[in-house]
Amino acid sequence: MQYQSVRQGRFLSRPNRFIAQVELDGRPETVHVKNTGRCRELLVPGAAVYLEESGNPARKTRYDLIAVEKGELLINMDAQAPNQVFREWAEGGGFQPDLTLLRPETTWGKSRFDFYWEAEGGRRGFVEVKGVTLEENGHARFPDAPTERGVKHLEELIRCQAEGYEAAVCFVIQMSGMVDFAPNDVTHPAFGAALRRAAQAGVTVLARGCTVTPDSLTMGGPVPICL
């Protein structure tokens, strides 16, 4: 995916989960944060951040915060980007080479999954996509905060698998160069337990790195998974 009109600023503060104060051209600017997660290890005072101009004059904020530098590592933190990147990758044959249908936001049971797909031979299934922005010494982790919604999605994927669908969860790691990926058991042990149950039940667990630039995000190669 490609962003337009990207500028670099310097992070100052985050008054709430929706907005941040950024220094841009030597002046403070209120910007929209495209990630409602904590991101405490990313949004630290003085960090270089990247902003996309919205192009909508009616908006209260002119810019969206889309990426941040953590030392030498550039991390995309746009919460909407993983689904778009997955869709581009899947439509290009990366997920299922014989894909005939890829439909976003599909309800099944009590959950709405990110994608429903169909492929040749009568195959069909659901995919839940999770964006990963937490990095610890070169290791990618998810989640960065407790997510009961994430646990529910995994439990629903197990039920999908039991009823004959193919079920998968894809962790889109919004950075490059990670050694491996693992559930963040310290922050939310229930999610890690649910992910292991899902894998044992036959749910496919994928982890993919990304190529990140200030104005683009592209699906990269597989990252080893440690369960």
Protein backbone atom coordinates (compact mmCIF):
# COMPACT_ATOMS: atom_id res chain seq x y z
CA MET A 1 0.00 0.00 0.00
CA GLN A 2 1.11 3.50 -0.78
CA TYR A 3 0.59 6.70 1.22
CA GLN A 4 0.44 10.17 -0.26
CA SER A 5 1.90 13.49 0.91
CA VAL A 6 3.98 12.11 3.81
CA ARG A 7 5.99 14.42 6.07
CA GLN A 8 8.31 13.84 9.01
CA GLY A 9 7.68 15.35 12.43
CA ARG A 10 8.73 14.90 16.03
CA PHE A 11 6.42 13.35 18.61
CA LEU A 12 5.64 15.52 21.64
CA SER A 13 2.71 14.01 23.55
CA ARG A 14 -0.50 12.01 23.28
CA PRO A 15 -3.37 13.69 25.15
CA ASN A 16 -5.69 10.76 24.39
CA ARG A 17 -5.72 7.63 22.24
CA PHE A 18 -7.09 9.44 19.19
CA ILE A 19 -4.74 12.42 18.88
CA ALA A 20 -1.12 13.38 19.36
CA GLN A 21 0.87 16.58 19.55
CA VAL A 22 3.68 16.62 16.99
CA GLU A 23 6.27 19.25 16.17
CA LEU A 24 6.07 20.04 12.47
CA ASP A 25 8.06 22.84 10.87
CA GLY A 26 9.00 24.07 14.33
CA ARG A 27 5.39 24.40 15.51
CA PRO A 28 3.07 22.06 17.46
CA GLU A 29 0.45 20.32 15.34
CA THR A 30 -2.48 18.21 16.56
CA VAL A 31 -2.67 15.02 14.47
CA HIS A 32 -4.92 11.98 14.34
CA VAL A 33 -3.36 8.71 15.58
CA LYS A 34 -4.39 5.80 13.35
CA ASN A 35 -3.96 3.29 16.17
CA THR A 36 -5.98 3.30 19.40
CA GLY A 37 -3.61 0.82 21.08
CA ARG A 38 -1.25 1.84 23.85
CA CYS A 39 1.91 2.04 21.73
CA ARG A 40 3.75 3.36 24.78
CA GLU A 41 7.07 1.92 23.68
CA LEU A 42 6.71 3.69 20.31
CA LEU A 43 5.28 7.12 21.03
CA VAL A 44 7.96 8.56 23.25
CA PRO A 45 8.84 12.27 23.34
CA GLY A 46 11.33 13.18 20.65
CA ALA A 47 10.65 10.16 18.42
CA ALA A 48 10.62 10.79 14.68
CA VAL A 49 7.13 10.18 13.28
CA TYR A 50 5.65 10.21 9.80
CA LEU A 51 2.41 11.94 8.92
CA GLU A 52 0.11 11.63 5.93
CA GLU A 53 -1.84 14.72 4.92
CA SER A 54 -5.54 13.86 4.77
CA GLY A 55 -6.53 16.14 1.90
CA ASN A 56 -9.92 16.72 3.54
CA PRO A 57 -10.30 20.40 4.44
CA ALA A 58 -13.35 19.63 6.62
CA ARG A 59 -11.35 17.48 9.04
CA LYS A 60 -10.37 18.81 12.46
CA THR A 61 -6.88 17.32 12.07
CA ARG A 62 -4.88 17.82 8.90
CA TYR A 63 -2.55 14.84 9.34
CA ASP A 64 -2.65 11.14 10.27
CA LEU A 65 0.24 9.63 12.21
CA ILE A 66 1.17 6.47 10.30
CA ALA A 67 4.72 5.45 11.28
CA VAL A 68 7.38 5.97 13.93
CA GLU A 69 11.10 5.36 14.31
CA LYS A 70 12.12 3.20 17.26
CA GLY A 71 15.89 3.56 17.26
CA GLU A 72 16.95 2.36 13.80
CA LEU A 73 13.70 0.43 13.29
CA LEU A 74 10.87 1.99 11.27
CA ILE A 75 7.45 0.74 12.41
CA ASN A 76 4.18 1.33 10.61
CA MET A 77 1.49 1.86 13.26
CA ASP A 78 -1.53 2.44 11.04
CA ALA A 79 -4.14 0.02 12.44
CA GLN A 80 -6.02 -0.02 9.11
CA ALA A 81 -2.95 -0.97 7.08
CA PRO A 82 -2.64 -4.71 7.89
CA ASN A 83 -6.02 -5.57 6.31
CA GLN A 84 -5.19 -3.61 3.19
CA VAL A 85 -1.74 -5.15 2.92
CA PHE A 86 -3.18 -8.64 3.44
CA ARG A 87 -5.79 -8.02 0.75
CA GLU A 88 -3.17 -6.86 -1.75
CA TRP A 89 -1.04 -9.90 -0.93
CA ALA A 90 -3.97 -12.33 -1.16
CA GLU A 91 -5.29 -10.86 -4.41
CA GLY A 92 -1.79 -11.26 -5.82
CA GLY A 93 -1.87 -15.00 -5.07
CA GLY A 94 0.23 -14.94 -1.92
CA PHE A 95 -2.39 -16.49 0.38
CA GLN A 96 -4.19 -18.99 -1.88
CA PRO A 97 -2.95 -19.28 -5.48
CA ASP A 98 -6.36 -20.50 -6.73
CA LEU A 99 -8.47 -17.87 -4.94
CA THR A 100 -11.82 -17.13 -6.60
CA LEU A 101 -13.38 -14.85 -3.95
CA LEU A 102 -12.05 -12.61 -1.20
CA ARG A 103 -14.73 -10.76 0.73
CA PRO A 104 -13.92 -8.43 3.65
CA GLU A 105 -15.88 -7.98 6.87
CA THR A 106 -17.98 -11.16 6.84
CA THR A 107 -20.15 -12.21 9.78
CA TRP A 108 -20.18 -15.81 10.98
CA GLY A 109 -21.68 -16.87 14.28
CA LYS A 110 -21.12 -14.12 16.80
CA SER A 111 -18.02 -12.72 15.11
CA ARG A 112 -17.22 -10.62 12.10
CA PHE A 113 -14.04 -11.85 10.48
CA ASP A 114 -11.74 -9.69 8.41
CA PHE A 115 -12.03 -11.90 5.31
CA TYR A 116 -14.05 -14.76 3.87
CA TRP A 117 -12.53 -16.57 0.91
CA GLU A 118 -13.34 -19.22 -1.64
CA ALA A 119 -11.01 -21.17 -3.91
CA GLU A 120 -11.18 -23.76 -6.65
CA GLY A 121 -12.28 -27.21 -5.61
CA GLY A 122 -15.03 -25.96 -3.29
CA ARG A 123 -12.62 -24.77 -0.61
CA ARG A 124 -13.72 -21.90 1.61
CA GLY A 125 -12.63 -20.29 4.82
CA PHE A 126 -12.17 -17.30 7.08
CA VAL A 127 -9.13 -15.21 7.95
CA GLU A 128 -8.62 -12.88 10.88
CA VAL A 129 -5.80 -10.35 10.45
CA LYS A 130 -3.87 -8.89 13.38
CA GLY A 131 -1.42 -6.02 13.06
CA VAL A 132 1.75 -6.34 15.15
CA THR A 133 3.68 -3.25 16.30
CA LEU A 134 5.30 -4.56 19.49
CA GLU A 135 9.00 -5.41 19.23
CA GLU A 136 11.28 -6.63 22.03
CA ASN A 137 14.96 -7.02 21.17
CA GLY A 138 14.19 -8.14 17.63
CA HIS A 139 11.26 -10.39 18.58
CA ALA A 140 7.71 -9.52 17.49
CA ARG A 141 4.92 -9.94 20.03
CA PHE A 142 1.12 -9.65 20.07
CA PRO A 143 -0.87 -8.20 21.74
CA ASP A 144 0.55 -5.08 23.35
CA ALA A 145 -2.51 -4.88 25.63
CA PRO A 146 -5.15 -7.42 26.76
CA THR A 147 -7.62 -8.19 23.97
CA GLU A 148 -10.73 -10.15 24.88
CA ARG A 149 -11.97 -9.49 21.35
CA GLY A 150 -8.89 -11.25 20.01
CA VAL A 151 -9.53 -14.28 22.21
CA LYS A 152 -13.14 -14.40 20.99
CA HIS A 153 -12.01 -14.34 17.36
CA LEU A 154 -9.68 -17.29 17.94
CA GLU A 155 -12.45 -19.28 19.63
CA GLU A 156 -14.75 -18.57 16.68
CA LEU A 157 -12.03 -19.65 14.23
CA ILE A 158 -11.80 -22.97 16.10
CA ARG A 159 -15.55 -23.42 15.62
CA CYS A 160 -15.25 -22.54 11.92
CA GLN A 161 -12.57 -25.19 11.52
CA ALA A 162 -14.74 -27.77 13.29
CA GLU A 163 -17.62 -27.06 10.89
CA GLY A 164 -15.59 -27.69 7.77
CA TYR A 165 -14.24 -24.26 6.90
CA GLU A 166 -10.54 -23.53 6.59
CA ALA A 167 -9.62 -21.03 9.29
CA ALA A 168 -6.53 -18.88 9.62
CA VAL A 169 -5.15 -16.02 11.64
CA CYS A 170 -2.50 -13.88 9.98
CA PHE A 171 -0.21 -11.68 12.07
CA VAL A 172 1.00 -8.84 9.86
CA ILE A 173 4.19 -7.61 11.50
CA GLN A 174 4.40 -3.92 10.61
CA MET A 175 8.20 -3.86 10.57
CA SER A 176 11.06 -5.84 9.06
CA GLY A 177 13.95 -7.92 10.33
CA MET A 178 12.20 -9.77 13.18
CA VAL A 179 13.83 -12.93 14.53
CA ASP A 180 10.50 -14.57 15.34
CA PHE A 181 6.91 -14.01 16.43
CA ALA A 182 5.22 -15.23 19.62
CA PRO A 183 2.09 -14.41 21.62
CA ASN A 184 2.71 -11.92 24.40
CA ASP A 185 1.96 -14.22 27.32
CA VAL A 186 3.19 -11.69 29.87
CA THR A 187 0.62 -9.09 28.86
CA HIS A 188 -2.29 -11.42 28.03
CA PRO A 189 -1.75 -15.12 28.82
CA ALA A 190 -5.33 -15.95 27.80
CA PHE A 191 -4.61 -14.86 24.23
CA GLY A 192 -1.51 -17.03 24.07
CA ALA A 193 -3.46 -20.01 25.41
CA ALA A 194 -6.24 -19.42 22.86
CA LEU A 195 -3.73 -19.18 20.01
CA ARG A 196 -2.16 -22.49 21.00
CA ARG A 197 -5.61 -24.13 21.22
CA ALA A 198 -6.43 -22.78 17.78
CA ALA A 199 -3.22 -24.14 16.28
CA GLN A 200 -3.86 -27.56 17.84
CA ALA A 201 -7.40 -27.52 16.43
CA GLY A 202 -6.06 -27.03 12.91
CA VAL A 203 -6.36 -23.25 12.54
CA THR A 204 -3.51 -22.03 10.34
CA VAL A 205 -1.28 -19.49 12.11
CA LEU A 206 0.67 -17.17 9.81
CA ALA A 207 3.19 -14.46 10.64
CA ARG A 208 4.53 -12.22 7.88
CA GLY A 209 6.99 -9.38 8.09
CA CYS A 210 6.65 -6.22 6.05
CA THR A 211 8.84 -3.89 4.07
CA VAL A 212 8.27 -0.47 5.60
CA THR A 213 9.15 2.95 4.23
CA PRO A 214 7.84 6.32 5.42
CA ASP A 215 5.22 6.27 2.64
CA SER A 216 4.56 2.57 1.97
CA LEU A 217 3.89 -0.83 3.52
CA THR A 218 4.32 -4.09 1.61
CA MET A 219 3.86 -7.69 2.75
CA GLY A 220 7.16 -9.48 3.16
CA GLY A 221 8.25 -13.01 3.92
CA PRO A 222 7.23 -15.45 6.64
CA VAL A 223 8.55 -15.00 10.18
CA PRO A 224 9.19 -18.05 12.38
CA ILE A 225 6.40 -18.64 14.92
CA CYS A 226 7.12 -19.70 18.49
CA LEU A 227 4.10 -21.18 20.26
